[in-house]
Amino acid sequence: MNDSSSLIVVLACVACLLVSAGAAAAEPASEPGFVSMFDGKSLRGWSVMPAKAAKAWTVKDGMIVGDGDKGRCYLVFDKGDIADFEMKLSYRFPGKGNSGISIRARKDPTGKRGFQSYHADFGHLGIGRQVLGAWDFHTPGRREHACLRGDRLVIDKHDKPTLTKIEGAVTPADIHKGGWNHVHVIAKGNNFKFFINGKPAAEFTEHLDKKRRLDKGMIQLQLHDPGMVVHFKELRIKILK
């Protein structure tokens, strides 16, 4: 091999190393214990409740699409009842909308709602702190406390609420209008945390008697209103023991 050939080989090897390094740098940081909830191609592992609204949820361009004109409903993760976990996803609203993640959901025995749940609420920028970044209590039969964006709520054993403000909580300036926003929900025992774009949104802890709490249940994505569209991607979960 002559000198010119040797130089070409060396340059080619260097180029390969640079490409490999760039690819490695572009890979997301490792998330030990998290597994994907969405294959990017289908709704395998999910089901719609009520089933008559099945056409409201589709997959397009590697994302889950919810269309409110095709039914107010929930997309339910088909792994049964789950208690403690961390969940991450990205969402966006092309226009206006109201959605969120219902956790520890179960059929409502009072019949006032379809389901009882704790609900991490999010919607389009401008919808207000009672939705965007709030915890919502879908709990007929027990008190439904307010826990708005920026609030830390503690419910004592007598169902008395105490609210304090979260320092450094997410604000409208941190939300990407029409773009992707990243959610992280942590449910562990009687403590529930909700983050948007890496900042705390709302948190609550409840000290009620265990029989009055929701101890485990379904995970659901909500489609709230006619006329709205919501997109989801990068859904993953870590079950906590």
C-alpha atoms as a PDB file:
ATOM      1  CA  MET A   1       0.000   0.000   0.000  1.00  0.00           C
ATOM      2  CA  ASN A   2       1.455   3.409  -0.948  1.00  0.00           C
ATOM      3  CA  ASP A   3       1.431   6.564   1.169  1.00  0.00           C
ATOM      4  CA  SER A   4      -1.648   7.992  -0.560  1.00  0.00           C
ATOM      5  CA  SER A   5      -3.644   4.822   0.074  1.00  0.00           C
ATOM      6  CA  SER A   6      -2.551   4.780   3.720  1.00  0.00           C
ATOM      7  CA  LEU A   7      -3.677   8.378   4.165  1.00  0.00           C
ATOM      8  CA  ILE A   8      -7.111   7.627   2.663  1.00  0.00           C
ATOM      9  CA  VAL A   9      -7.566   4.667   5.014  1.00  0.00           C
ATOM     10  CA  VAL A  10      -6.590   6.768   8.052  1.00  0.00           C
ATOM     11  CA  LEU A  11      -8.950   9.601   7.085  1.00  0.00           C
ATOM     12  CA  ALA A  12     -11.783   7.131   6.528  1.00  0.00           C
ATOM     13  CA  CYS A  13     -11.228   5.622   9.988  1.00  0.00           C
ATOM     14  CA  VAL A  14     -11.217   9.070  11.581  1.00  0.00           C
ATOM     15  CA  ALA A  15     -14.451   9.953   9.806  1.00  0.00           C
ATOM     16  CA  CYS A  16     -16.079   6.743  11.067  1.00  0.00           C
ATOM     17  CA  LEU A  17     -15.019   7.517  14.618  1.00  0.00           C
ATOM     18  CA  LEU A  18     -16.414  11.049  14.397  1.00  0.00           C
ATOM     19  CA  VAL A  19     -19.748   9.787  13.043  1.00  0.00           C
ATOM     20  CA  SER A  20     -19.944   7.151  15.792  1.00  0.00           C
ATOM     21  CA  ALA A  21     -19.152   9.732  18.468  1.00  0.00           C
ATOM     22  CA  GLY A  22     -21.798  12.074  17.087  1.00  0.00           C
ATOM     23  CA  ALA A  23     -24.385   9.316  17.045  1.00  0.00           C
ATOM     24  CA  ALA A  24     -23.572   8.391  20.637  1.00  0.00           C
ATOM     25  CA  ALA A  25     -23.858  12.017  21.710  1.00  0.00           C
ATOM     26  CA  ALA A  26     -27.282  12.260  20.035  1.00  0.00           C
ATOM     27  CA  GLU A  27     -28.678   9.269  21.937  1.00  0.00           C
ATOM     28  CA  PRO A  28     -30.927  10.111  24.913  1.00  0.00           C
ATOM     29  CA  ALA A  29     -29.564   9.661  28.404  1.00  0.00           C
ATOM     30  CA  SER A  30     -30.138   6.217  29.881  1.00  0.00           C
ATOM     31  CA  GLU A  31     -33.231   5.817  32.054  1.00  0.00           C
ATOM     32  CA  PRO A  32     -32.683   2.688  34.149  1.00  0.00           C
ATOM     33  CA  GLY A  33     -35.860   0.772  34.849  1.00  0.00           C
ATOM     34  CA  PHE A  34     -38.027   2.580  32.294  1.00  0.00           C
ATOM     35  CA  VAL A  35     -39.715   0.595  29.520  1.00  0.00           C
ATOM     36  CA  SER A  36     -41.597   1.847  26.486  1.00  0.00           C
ATOM     37  CA  MET A  37     -45.404   2.002  26.580  1.00  0.00           C
ATOM     38  CA  PHE A  38     -45.788   2.705  22.841  1.00  0.00           C
ATOM     39  CA  ASP A  39     -44.239   0.962  19.845  1.00  0.00           C
ATOM     40  CA  GLY A  40     -44.556   4.034  17.613  1.00  0.00           C
ATOM     41  CA  LYS A  41     -46.614   2.107  15.055  1.00  0.00           C
ATOM     42  CA  SER A  42     -49.824   0.889  16.667  1.00  0.00           C
ATOM     43  CA  LEU A  43     -52.045   1.060  19.734  1.00  0.00           C
ATOM     44  CA  ARG A  44     -50.954  -2.401  20.792  1.00  0.00           C
ATOM     45  CA  GLY A  45     -51.027  -2.538  24.592  1.00  0.00           C
ATOM     46  CA  TRP A  46     -53.778   0.097  24.820  1.00  0.00           C
ATOM     47  CA  SER A  47     -57.570   0.066  24.646  1.00  0.00           C
ATOM     48  CA  VAL A  48     -60.263   2.730  24.459  1.00  0.00           C
ATOM     49  CA  MET A  49     -62.932   3.268  27.112  1.00  0.00           C
ATOM     50  CA  PRO A  50     -65.740   3.415  26.186  1.00  0.00           C
ATOM     51  CA  ALA A  51     -65.063   1.073  23.251  1.00  0.00           C
ATOM     52  CA  LYS A  52     -67.587   2.901  21.035  1.00  0.00           C
ATOM     53  CA  ALA A  53     -65.100   5.800  20.817  1.00  0.00           C
ATOM     54  CA  ALA A  54     -62.279   3.626  19.452  1.00  0.00           C
ATOM     55  CA  LYS A  55     -61.937   5.769  16.299  1.00  0.00           C
ATOM     56  CA  ALA A  56     -60.932   8.747  18.438  1.00  0.00           C
ATOM     57  CA  TRP A  57     -57.404   7.361  18.890  1.00  0.00           C
ATOM     58  CA  THR A  58     -55.010   6.630  16.028  1.00  0.00           C
ATOM     59  CA  VAL A  59     -51.280   6.458  15.346  1.00  0.00           C
ATOM     60  CA  LYS A  60     -49.669   8.806  12.830  1.00  0.00           C
ATOM     61  CA  ASP A  61     -46.031   9.714  12.167  1.00  0.00           C
ATOM     62  CA  GLY A  62     -44.824   7.874  15.275  1.00  0.00           C
ATOM     63  CA  MET A  63     -47.244   9.532  17.681  1.00  0.00           C
ATOM     64  CA  ILE A  64     -50.583   8.767  19.313  1.00  0.00           C
ATOM     65  CA  VAL A  65     -53.299  11.143  18.101  1.00  0.00           C
ATOM     66  CA  GLY A  66     -56.499  11.830  20.019  1.00  0.00           C
ATOM     67  CA  ASP A  67     -59.356  13.511  18.121  1.00  0.00           C
ATOM     68  CA  GLY A  68     -62.065  14.921  20.360  1.00  0.00           C
ATOM     69  CA  ASP A  69     -64.616  15.120  17.561  1.00  0.00           C
ATOM     70  CA  LYS A  70     -64.687  11.312  17.519  1.00  0.00           C
ATOM     71  CA  GLY A  71     -65.602  10.844  21.168  1.00  0.00           C
ATOM     72  CA  ARG A  72     -64.883  11.983  24.692  1.00  0.00           C
ATOM     73  CA  CYS A  73     -63.013   9.030  26.159  1.00  0.00           C
ATOM     74  CA  TYR A  74     -59.853   7.524  27.633  1.00  0.00           C
ATOM     75  CA  LEU A  75     -56.990   5.545  26.141  1.00  0.00           C
ATOM     76  CA  VAL A  76     -56.138   2.920  28.749  1.00  0.00           C
ATOM     77  CA  PHE A  77     -52.773   1.213  29.282  1.00  0.00           C
ATOM     78  CA  ASP A  78     -53.468  -2.528  29.215  1.00  0.00           C
ATOM     79  CA  LYS A  79     -51.275  -3.602  32.130  1.00  0.00           C
ATOM     80  CA  GLY A  80     -54.019  -3.832  34.730  1.00  0.00           C
ATOM     81  CA  ASP A  81     -53.981  -2.103  38.091  1.00  0.00           C
ATOM     82  CA  ILE A  82     -50.744  -0.288  38.919  1.00  0.00           C
ATOM     83  CA  ALA A  83     -49.901   1.305  42.267  1.00  0.00           C
ATOM     84  CA  ASP A  84     -46.450   2.937  42.445  1.00  0.00           C
ATOM     85  CA  PHE A  85     -44.660   4.063  39.301  1.00  0.00           C
ATOM     86  CA  GLU A  86     -42.937   6.812  37.368  1.00  0.00           C
ATOM     87  CA  MET A  87     -44.261   7.739  33.947  1.00  0.00           C
ATOM     88  CA  LYS A  88     -42.814  10.041  31.304  1.00  0.00           C
ATOM     89  CA  LEU A  89     -44.248  11.264  28.016  1.00  0.00           C
ATOM     90  CA  SER A  90     -44.261  14.169  25.589  1.00  0.00           C
ATOM     91  CA  TYR A  91     -47.478  15.909  24.542  1.00  0.00           C
ATOM     92  CA  ARG A  92     -48.549  18.766  22.318  1.00  0.00           C
ATOM     93  CA  PHE A  93     -51.743  20.544  21.299  1.00  0.00           C
ATOM     94  CA  PRO A  94     -51.883  21.785  17.697  1.00  0.00           C
ATOM     95  CA  GLY A  95     -54.713  24.070  18.842  1.00  0.00           C
ATOM     96  CA  LYS A  96     -56.720  24.346  22.044  1.00  0.00           C
ATOM     97  CA  GLY A  97     -57.362  21.338  24.231  1.00  0.00           C
ATOM     98  CA  ASN A  98     -57.650  19.724  27.644  1.00  0.00           C
ATOM     99  CA  SER A  99     -56.077  16.353  28.422  1.00  0.00           C
ATOM    100  CA  GLY A 100     -53.977  14.636  31.052  1.00  0.00           C
ATOM    101  CA  ILE A 101     -53.041  11.386  32.739  1.00  0.00           C
ATOM    102  CA  SER A 102     -55.473   9.642  35.076  1.00  0.00           C
ATOM    103  CA  ILE A 103     -53.736   7.328  37.533  1.00  0.00           C
ATOM    104  CA  ARG A 104     -54.985   4.650  39.937  1.00  0.00           C
ATOM    105  CA  ALA A 105     -58.232   4.874  37.983  1.00  0.00           C
ATOM    106  CA  ARG A 106     -61.141   2.554  38.680  1.00  0.00           C
ATOM    107  CA  LYS A 107     -64.815   2.376  37.792  1.00  0.00           C
ATOM    108  CA  ASP A 108     -66.764   4.905  39.841  1.00  0.00           C
ATOM    109  CA  PRO A 109     -69.172   3.015  42.125  1.00  0.00           C
ATOM    110  CA  THR A 110     -71.237   6.186  42.684  1.00  0.00           C
ATOM    111  CA  GLY A 111     -72.073   6.460  38.983  1.00  0.00           C
ATOM    112  CA  LYS A 112     -71.332  10.204  38.995  1.00  0.00           C
ATOM    113  CA  ARG A 113     -68.290   9.712  36.758  1.00  0.00           C
ATOM    114  CA  GLY A 114     -67.090   6.972  34.509  1.00  0.00           C
ATOM    115  CA  PHE A 115     -63.996   6.548  36.674  1.00  0.00           C
ATOM    116  CA  GLN A 116     -62.490   7.645  39.940  1.00  0.00           C
ATOM    117  CA  SER A 117     -58.847   8.700  39.663  1.00  0.00           C
ATOM    118  CA  TYR A 118     -56.118  11.149  40.507  1.00  0.00           C
ATOM    119  CA  HIS A 119     -55.580  13.222  37.371  1.00  0.00           C
ATOM    120  CA  ALA A 120     -52.469  15.108  36.236  1.00  0.00           C
ATOM    121  CA  ASP A 121     -54.042  17.826  34.111  1.00  0.00           C
ATOM    122  CA  PHE A 122     -52.585  19.659  31.115  1.00  0.00           C
ATOM    123  CA  GLY A 123     -53.977  21.710  28.265  1.00  0.00           C
ATOM    124  CA  HIS A 124     -53.086  24.395  25.747  1.00  0.00           C
ATOM    125  CA  LEU A 125     -51.076  27.411  26.838  1.00  0.00           C
ATOM    126  CA  GLY A 126     -53.513  29.936  28.285  1.00  0.00           C
ATOM    127  CA  ILE A 127     -56.089  27.491  29.632  1.00  0.00           C
ATOM    128  CA  GLY A 128     -55.251  28.463  33.233  1.00  0.00           C
ATOM    129  CA  ARG A 129     -53.482  27.005  36.250  1.00  0.00           C
ATOM    130  CA  GLN A 130     -56.588  25.097  37.322  1.00  0.00           C
ATOM    131  CA  VAL A 131     -55.866  22.795  34.353  1.00  0.00           C
ATOM    132  CA  LEU A 132     -52.361  23.263  32.990  1.00  0.00           C
ATOM    133  CA  GLY A 133     -50.053  21.711  35.589  1.00  0.00           C
ATOM    134  CA  ALA A 134     -52.720  20.924  38.194  1.00  0.00           C
ATOM    135  CA  TRP A 135     -53.697  17.770  40.039  1.00  0.00           C
ATOM    136  CA  ASP A 136     -57.418  17.125  39.706  1.00  0.00           C
ATOM    137  CA  PHE A 137     -59.341  14.811  42.024  1.00  0.00           C
ATOM    138  CA  HIS A 138     -61.875  12.722  40.117  1.00  0.00           C
ATOM    139  CA  THR A 139     -63.099  11.194  43.361  1.00  0.00           C
ATOM    140  CA  PRO A 140     -66.888  11.240  43.817  1.00  0.00           C
ATOM    141  CA  GLY A 141     -67.740  10.027  47.293  1.00  0.00           C
ATOM    142  CA  ARG A 142     -64.855  11.900  48.897  1.00  0.00           C
ATOM    143  CA  ARG A 143     -63.760  15.525  48.942  1.00  0.00           C
ATOM    144  CA  GLU A 144     -62.301  16.815  45.650  1.00  0.00           C
ATOM    145  CA  HIS A 145     -59.558  19.202  46.705  1.00  0.00           C
ATOM    146  CA  ALA A 146     -57.997  21.984  44.639  1.00  0.00           C
ATOM    147  CA  CYS A 147     -54.306  21.485  43.828  1.00  0.00           C
ATOM    148  CA  LEU A 148     -53.482  24.007  41.109  1.00  0.00           C
ATOM    149  CA  ARG A 149     -50.241  24.572  39.230  1.00  0.00           C
ATOM    150  CA  GLY A 150     -47.600  25.741  41.692  1.00  0.00           C
ATOM    151  CA  ASP A 151     -49.363  24.218  44.717  1.00  0.00           C
ATOM    152  CA  ARG A 152     -48.173  21.636  47.209  1.00  0.00           C
ATOM    153  CA  LEU A 153     -51.188  20.107  48.958  1.00  0.00           C
ATOM    154  CA  VAL A 154     -51.186  18.041  52.145  1.00  0.00           C
ATOM    155  CA  ILE A 155     -54.446  16.332  53.136  1.00  0.00           C
ATOM    156  CA  ASP A 156     -54.503  15.328  56.796  1.00  0.00           C
ATOM    157  CA  LYS A 157     -56.241  12.296  58.282  1.00  0.00           C
ATOM    158  CA  HIS A 158     -59.392  14.386  58.849  1.00  0.00           C
ATOM    159  CA  ASP A 159     -59.478  15.432  55.159  1.00  0.00           C
ATOM    160  CA  LYS A 160     -58.321  18.954  55.992  1.00  0.00           C
ATOM    161  CA  PRO A 161     -56.185  20.506  53.212  1.00  0.00           C
ATOM    162  CA  THR A 162     -53.076  22.631  53.690  1.00  0.00           C
ATOM    163  CA  LEU A 163     -51.615  24.427  50.666  1.00  0.00           C
ATOM    164  CA  THR A 164     -48.149  25.906  50.236  1.00  0.00           C
ATOM    165  CA  LYS A 165     -46.414  27.247  47.153  1.00  0.00           C
ATOM    166  CA  ILE A 166     -43.725  25.306  45.299  1.00  0.00           C
ATOM    167  CA  GLU A 167     -40.557  27.308  44.782  1.00  0.00           C
ATOM    168  CA  GLY A 168     -39.383  27.223  41.154  1.00  0.00           C
ATOM    169  CA  ALA A 169     -42.647  25.782  39.828  1.00  0.00           C
ATOM    170  CA  VAL A 170     -43.310  25.658  36.093  1.00  0.00           C
ATOM    171  CA  THR A 171     -44.829  28.831  34.611  1.00  0.00           C
ATOM    172  CA  PRO A 172     -46.527  29.628  31.273  1.00  0.00           C
ATOM    173  CA  ALA A 173     -43.159  30.928  30.054  1.00  0.00           C
ATOM    174  CA  ASP A 174     -41.811  27.357  30.365  1.00  0.00           C
ATOM    175  CA  ILE A 175     -44.541  25.873  28.128  1.00  0.00           C
ATOM    176  CA  HIS A 176     -43.955  25.444  24.395  1.00  0.00           C
ATOM    177  CA  LYS A 177     -47.064  26.724  22.634  1.00  0.00           C
ATOM    178  CA  GLY A 178     -48.034  24.293  19.891  1.00  0.00           C
ATOM    179  CA  GLY A 179     -44.807  22.368  20.530  1.00  0.00           C
ATOM    180  CA  TRP A 180     -43.753  19.341  22.515  1.00  0.00           C
ATOM    181  CA  ASN A 181     -43.818  19.491  26.305  1.00  0.00           C
ATOM    182  CA  HIS A 182     -42.401  16.803  28.567  1.00  0.00           C
ATOM    183  CA  VAL A 183     -44.294  15.344  31.530  1.00  0.00           C
ATOM    184  CA  HIS A 184     -43.009  13.273  34.449  1.00  0.00           C
ATOM    185  CA  VAL A 185     -45.457  11.837  37.002  1.00  0.00           C
ATOM    186  CA  ILE A 186     -44.379   9.995  40.150  1.00  0.00           C
ATOM    187  CA  ALA A 187     -46.864   8.045  42.273  1.00  0.00           C
ATOM    188  CA  LYS A 188     -45.338   6.499  45.369  1.00  0.00           C
ATOM    189  CA  GLY A 189     -47.418   5.453  48.345  1.00  0.00           C
ATOM    190  CA  ASN A 190     -49.446   8.474  49.423  1.00  0.00           C
ATOM    191  CA  ASN A 191     -47.266  11.059  47.616  1.00  0.00           C
ATOM    192  CA  PHE A 192     -47.847  12.241  44.053  1.00  0.00           C
ATOM    193  CA  LYS A 193     -45.563  14.535  42.034  1.00  0.00           C
ATOM    194  CA  PHE A 194     -46.117  16.111  38.621  1.00  0.00           C
ATOM    195  CA  PHE A 195     -43.436  17.844  36.512  1.00  0.00           C
ATOM    196  CA  ILE A 196     -43.588  19.654  33.165  1.00  0.00           C
ATOM    197  CA  ASN A 197     -40.450  20.421  31.167  1.00  0.00           C
ATOM    198  CA  GLY A 198     -38.236  19.494  34.110  1.00  0.00           C
ATOM    199  CA  LYS A 199     -39.933  21.828  36.608  1.00  0.00           C
ATOM    200  CA  PRO A 200     -42.383  20.887  39.377  1.00  0.00           C
ATOM    201  CA  ALA A 201     -45.996  21.603  38.480  1.00  0.00           C
ATOM    202  CA  ALA A 202     -48.007  20.358  41.483  1.00  0.00           C
ATOM    203  CA  GLU A 203     -47.690  17.849  44.314  1.00  0.00           C
ATOM    204  CA  PHE A 204     -49.978  16.311  46.905  1.00  0.00           C
ATOM    205  CA  THR A 205     -49.701  13.975  49.872  1.00  0.00           C
ATOM    206  CA  GLU A 206     -52.715  12.424  51.563  1.00  0.00           C
ATOM    207  CA  HIS A 207     -52.945  10.995  55.066  1.00  0.00           C
ATOM    208  CA  LEU A 208     -56.523   9.767  54.890  1.00  0.00           C
ATOM    209  CA  ASP A 209     -57.359   6.291  56.088  1.00  0.00           C
ATOM    210  CA  LYS A 210     -56.161   3.838  53.431  1.00  0.00           C
ATOM    211  CA  LYS A 211     -59.658   2.622  52.657  1.00  0.00           C
ATOM    212  CA  ARG A 212     -60.545   6.160  51.510  1.00  0.00           C
ATOM    213  CA  ARG A 213     -57.580   6.451  49.124  1.00  0.00           C
ATOM    214  CA  LEU A 214     -57.059   5.135  45.623  1.00  0.00           C
ATOM    215  CA  ASP A 215     -54.324   2.555  46.186  1.00  0.00           C
ATOM    216  CA  LYS A 216     -53.968   1.187  42.646  1.00  0.00           C
ATOM    217  CA  GLY A 217     -55.719   1.262  39.303  1.00  0.00           C
ATOM    218  CA  MET A 218     -55.541   1.960  35.597  1.00  0.00           C
ATOM    219  CA  ILE A 219     -53.388   4.510  33.774  1.00  0.00           C
ATOM    220  CA  GLN A 220     -55.438   6.499  31.258  1.00  0.00           C
ATOM    221  CA  LEU A 221     -54.807   9.256  28.714  1.00  0.00           C
ATOM    222  CA  GLN A 222     -57.739  11.657  28.551  1.00  0.00           C
ATOM    223  CA  LEU A 223     -59.567  13.102  25.553  1.00  0.00           C
ATOM    224  CA  HIS A 224     -61.728  15.779  27.126  1.00  0.00           C
ATOM    225  CA  ASP A 225     -63.506  17.945  24.554  1.00  0.00           C
ATOM    226  CA  PRO A 226     -64.990  17.921  21.051  1.00  0.00           C
ATOM    227  CA  GLY A 227     -62.946  20.016  18.640  1.00  0.00           C
ATOM    228  CA  MET A 228     -59.602  19.287  20.297  1.00  0.00           C
ATOM    229  CA  VAL A 229     -56.612  17.310  19.084  1.00  0.00           C
ATOM    230  CA  VAL A 230     -53.766  16.051  21.286  1.00  0.00           C
ATOM    231  CA  HIS A 231     -50.547  14.264  20.349  1.00  0.00           C
ATOM    232  CA  PHE A 232     -48.450  11.931  22.532  1.00  0.00           C
ATOM    233  CA  LYS A 233     -45.062  10.324  22.000  1.00  0.00           C
ATOM    234  CA  GLU A 234     -42.102   8.909  23.961  1.00  0.00           C
ATOM    235  CA  LEU A 235     -44.323   7.223  26.550  1.00  0.00           C
ATOM    236  CA  ARG A 236     -42.426   5.103  29.055  1.00  0.00           C
ATOM    237  CA  ILE A 237     -42.968   3.759  32.558  1.00  0.00           C
ATOM    238  CA  LYS A 238     -40.988   2.492  35.514  1.00  0.00           C
ATOM    239  CA  ILE A 239     -42.848   0.309  37.990  1.00  0.00           C
ATOM    240  CA  LEU A 240     -41.745   0.948  41.587  1.00  0.00           C
ATOM    241  CA  LYS A 241     -41.748  -1.767  44.205  1.00  0.00           C
END
